[in-house]
């Protein structure tokens, strides 16, 4: 799961992916890796890729701060 999300961020959301090495524990917003538009695109990708709808109440920083947080959240939603 981490690898899928990291690959999407590197290949679709970052202008120069070869210059950025993303770790599952990197703060996506705080570090500037993603802006709010990038985060919206990431949420859309996750919903399509993992075939689920993320409710508004689940779109909190604790669930989307890092790739590891996203994976932990998804593990509770994906069977």
N, C-alpha and C. Protein backbone atom coordinates (compact mmCIF):
# COMPACT_ATOMS: atom_id res chain seq x y z
N UNK A 1 0.81 -1.18 0.00
CA UNK A 1 0.00 0.00 0.00
C UNK A 1 0.87 1.27 0.00
N UNK A 2 1.89 1.28 0.89
CA UNK A 2 2.79 2.44 0.93
C UNK A 2 3.42 2.71 -0.42
N UNK A 3 3.90 1.64 -1.06
CA UNK A 3 4.59 1.79 -2.34
C UNK A 3 3.66 2.35 -3.42
N UNK A 4 2.42 1.90 -3.45
CA UNK A 4 1.44 2.39 -4.42
C UNK A 4 1.20 3.88 -4.24
N UNK A 5 1.04 4.31 -3.00
CA UNK A 5 0.77 5.72 -2.71
C UNK A 5 2.01 6.57 -3.00
N UNK A 6 3.17 6.11 -2.59
CA UNK A 6 4.41 6.85 -2.85
C UNK A 6 4.65 6.98 -4.35
N UNK A 7 4.44 5.90 -5.10
CA UNK A 7 4.62 5.96 -6.55
C UNK A 7 3.68 6.98 -7.19
N UNK A 8 2.43 7.02 -6.75
CA UNK A 8 1.49 7.99 -7.29
C UNK A 8 1.96 9.42 -6.99
N UNK A 9 2.34 9.67 -5.75
CA UNK A 9 2.81 11.01 -5.38
C UNK A 9 4.01 11.41 -6.24
N UNK A 10 4.98 10.52 -6.35
CA UNK A 10 6.19 10.84 -7.11
C UNK A 10 5.92 11.02 -8.60
N UNK A 11 5.08 10.18 -9.17
CA UNK A 11 4.87 10.21 -10.61
C UNK A 11 3.78 11.16 -11.09
N UNK A 12 2.83 11.50 -10.21
CA UNK A 12 1.71 12.31 -10.65
C UNK A 12 1.61 13.68 -9.99
N UNK A 13 2.17 13.83 -8.80
CA UNK A 13 1.96 15.07 -8.06
C UNK A 13 3.19 15.94 -7.89
N UNK A 14 4.36 15.37 -8.08
CA UNK A 14 5.59 16.14 -7.89
C UNK A 14 6.20 16.44 -9.25
N UNK A 15 6.60 17.69 -9.46
CA UNK A 15 7.11 18.14 -10.75
C UNK A 15 8.41 17.42 -11.13
N UNK A 16 9.34 17.30 -10.21
CA UNK A 16 10.62 16.64 -10.47
C UNK A 16 10.78 15.44 -9.54
N UNK A 17 10.10 14.32 -9.85
CA UNK A 17 10.11 13.18 -8.93
C UNK A 17 11.50 12.60 -8.69
N UNK A 18 12.41 12.73 -9.66
CA UNK A 18 13.75 12.18 -9.49
C UNK A 18 14.54 12.93 -8.42
N UNK A 19 14.12 14.13 -8.10
CA UNK A 19 14.83 14.94 -7.11
C UNK A 19 14.29 14.73 -5.69
N UNK A 20 13.20 13.96 -5.57
CA UNK A 20 12.56 13.80 -4.27
C UNK A 20 12.49 12.32 -3.90
N UNK A 21 12.97 12.01 -2.72
CA UNK A 21 12.89 10.66 -2.20
C UNK A 21 11.88 10.68 -1.05
N UNK A 22 10.74 10.07 -1.25
CA UNK A 22 9.67 10.11 -0.26
C UNK A 22 9.73 8.87 0.62
N UNK A 23 9.66 9.11 1.93
CA UNK A 23 9.61 8.04 2.91
C UNK A 23 8.19 7.97 3.46
N UNK A 24 7.76 6.83 3.90
CA UNK A 24 6.40 6.64 4.42
C UNK A 24 6.11 7.52 5.64
N UNK A 25 7.15 7.98 6.31
CA UNK A 25 6.97 8.80 7.52
C UNK A 25 7.10 10.31 7.26
N UNK A 26 7.34 10.73 6.02
CA UNK A 26 7.48 12.15 5.70
C UNK A 26 6.14 12.87 5.84
N UNK A 27 6.16 14.04 6.45
CA UNK A 27 4.97 14.88 6.58
C UNK A 27 4.66 15.48 5.21
N UNK A 28 3.58 15.04 4.59
CA UNK A 28 3.27 15.42 3.22
C UNK A 28 2.93 16.90 3.08
N UNK A 29 2.16 17.45 4.00
CA UNK A 29 1.78 18.86 3.92
C UNK A 29 2.82 19.76 4.58
N UNK A 30 3.24 19.40 5.77
CA UNK A 30 4.19 20.23 6.53
C UNK A 30 5.52 20.41 5.84
N UNK A 31 5.94 19.39 5.10
CA UNK A 31 7.23 19.46 4.40
C UNK A 31 7.12 20.18 3.06
N UNK A 32 5.89 20.42 2.61
CA UNK A 32 5.70 21.08 1.32
C UNK A 32 5.68 20.11 0.15
N UNK A 33 5.73 18.80 0.42
CA UNK A 33 5.65 17.83 -0.67
C UNK A 33 4.34 17.97 -1.43
N UNK A 34 3.25 18.19 -0.70
CA UNK A 34 1.94 18.37 -1.31
C UNK A 34 1.30 19.65 -0.80
N UNK A 35 0.55 20.31 -1.67
CA UNK A 35 -0.28 21.43 -1.24
C UNK A 35 -1.71 20.92 -1.13
N UNK A 36 -2.65 21.79 -0.86
CA UNK A 36 -4.03 21.34 -0.66
C UNK A 36 -4.62 20.72 -1.93
N UNK A 37 -4.27 21.25 -3.09
CA UNK A 37 -4.76 20.68 -4.35
C UNK A 37 -4.16 19.29 -4.56
N UNK A 38 -2.88 19.13 -4.27
CA UNK A 38 -2.23 17.84 -4.37
C UNK A 38 -2.86 16.82 -3.44
N UNK A 39 -3.22 17.26 -2.24
CA UNK A 39 -3.86 16.36 -1.29
C UNK A 39 -5.23 15.94 -1.80
N UNK A 40 -5.97 16.85 -2.41
CA UNK A 40 -7.29 16.50 -2.98
C UNK A 40 -7.13 15.47 -4.10
N UNK A 41 -6.11 15.65 -4.94
CA UNK A 41 -5.86 14.69 -6.01
C UNK A 41 -5.47 13.33 -5.43
N UNK A 42 -4.69 13.35 -4.36
CA UNK A 42 -4.29 12.11 -3.71
C UNK A 42 -5.50 11.38 -3.14
N UNK A 43 -6.39 12.10 -2.49
CA UNK A 43 -7.61 11.50 -1.93
C UNK A 43 -8.45 10.89 -3.06
N UNK A 44 -8.58 11.60 -4.16
CA UNK A 44 -9.33 11.10 -5.31
C UNK A 44 -8.70 9.81 -5.85
N UNK A 45 -7.38 9.80 -5.97
CA UNK A 45 -6.67 8.60 -6.43
C UNK A 45 -6.93 7.43 -5.48
N UNK A 46 -6.82 7.68 -4.18
CA UNK A 46 -7.02 6.62 -3.19
C UNK A 46 -8.43 6.05 -3.29
N UNK A 47 -9.42 6.92 -3.44
CA UNK A 47 -10.80 6.45 -3.56
C UNK A 47 -10.97 5.56 -4.79
N UNK A 48 -10.39 5.96 -5.91
CA UNK A 48 -10.50 5.16 -7.13
C UNK A 48 -9.69 3.87 -7.03
N UNK A 49 -8.47 3.97 -6.59
CA UNK A 49 -7.56 2.82 -6.55
C UNK A 49 -8.02 1.74 -5.57
N UNK A 50 -8.52 2.17 -4.43
CA UNK A 50 -8.92 1.22 -3.40
C UNK A 50 -10.44 1.02 -3.33
N UNK A 51 -11.14 1.60 -4.30
CA UNK A 51 -12.59 1.43 -4.46
C UNK A 51 -13.36 1.68 -3.17
N UNK A 52 -13.20 2.90 -2.64
CA UNK A 52 -13.92 3.29 -1.45
C UNK A 52 -14.20 4.78 -1.48
N UNK A 53 -15.12 5.20 -0.66
CA UNK A 53 -15.45 6.62 -0.52
C UNK A 53 -15.01 7.05 0.86
N UNK A 54 -14.15 8.06 0.91
CA UNK A 54 -13.66 8.56 2.19
C UNK A 54 -14.65 9.62 2.69
N UNK A 55 -15.32 9.36 3.81
CA UNK A 55 -16.28 10.34 4.33
C UNK A 55 -15.58 11.61 4.80
N UNK A 56 -16.30 12.71 4.72
CA UNK A 56 -15.73 14.01 5.10
C UNK A 56 -15.16 14.00 6.51
N UNK A 57 -15.82 13.32 7.43
CA UNK A 57 -15.35 13.31 8.82
C UNK A 57 -14.03 12.56 8.99
N UNK A 58 -13.65 11.73 7.99
CA UNK A 58 -12.37 11.02 8.05
C UNK A 58 -11.22 11.80 7.41
N UNK A 59 -11.53 12.90 6.73
CA UNK A 59 -10.50 13.70 6.07
C UNK A 59 -9.89 14.67 7.07
N UNK A 60 -9.14 14.10 8.00
CA UNK A 60 -8.46 14.87 9.04
C UNK A 60 -6.95 14.65 8.91
N UNK A 61 -6.19 15.58 9.41
CA UNK A 61 -4.74 15.54 9.27
C UNK A 61 -4.15 14.25 9.85
N UNK A 62 -4.75 13.72 10.91
CA UNK A 62 -4.23 12.50 11.52
C UNK A 62 -4.27 11.31 10.55
N UNK A 63 -5.21 11.29 9.63
CA UNK A 63 -5.32 10.20 8.67
C UNK A 63 -4.48 10.40 7.41
N UNK A 64 -4.06 11.65 7.14
CA UNK A 64 -3.41 11.95 5.87
C UNK A 64 -2.08 12.69 6.00
N UNK A 65 -1.52 12.74 7.20
CA UNK A 65 -0.27 13.47 7.42
C UNK A 65 0.90 12.82 6.69
N UNK A 66 0.98 11.50 6.74
CA UNK A 66 2.08 10.76 6.11
C UNK A 66 1.51 9.60 5.31
N UNK A 67 2.32 9.01 4.47
CA UNK A 67 1.91 7.82 3.73
C UNK A 67 1.60 6.69 4.71
N UNK A 68 2.37 6.58 5.77
CA UNK A 68 2.12 5.55 6.78
C UNK A 68 0.75 5.76 7.44
N UNK A 69 0.39 7.00 7.74
CA UNK A 69 -0.92 7.30 8.32
C UNK A 69 -2.03 6.93 7.35
N UNK A 70 -1.84 7.25 6.08
CA UNK A 70 -2.83 6.91 5.05
C UNK A 70 -3.00 5.39 4.99
N UNK A 71 -1.90 4.66 4.98
CA UNK A 71 -1.97 3.20 4.92
C UNK A 71 -2.67 2.62 6.14
N UNK A 72 -2.35 3.15 7.31
CA UNK A 72 -3.01 2.68 8.54
C UNK A 72 -4.51 2.93 8.46
N UNK A 73 -4.88 4.11 7.99
CA UNK A 73 -6.31 4.45 7.84
C UNK A 73 -6.97 3.48 6.83
N UNK A 74 -6.33 3.27 5.70
CA UNK A 74 -6.91 2.40 4.66
C UNK A 74 -7.06 0.96 5.14
N UNK A 75 -6.16 0.51 5.97
CA UNK A 75 -6.25 -0.87 6.49
C UNK A 75 -7.53 -1.07 7.31
N UNK A 76 -8.04 0.00 7.89
CA UNK A 76 -9.29 -0.11 8.65
C UNK A 76 -10.51 -0.07 7.73
N UNK A 77 -10.33 0.37 6.48
CA UNK A 77 -11.45 0.55 5.56
C UNK A 77 -11.50 -0.49 4.45
N UNK A 78 -10.34 -1.03 4.07
CA UNK A 78 -10.26 -1.98 2.97
C UNK A 78 -10.22 -3.40 3.53
N UNK A 79 -11.08 -4.23 3.01
CA UNK A 79 -11.09 -5.61 3.53
C UNK A 79 -10.20 -6.51 2.70
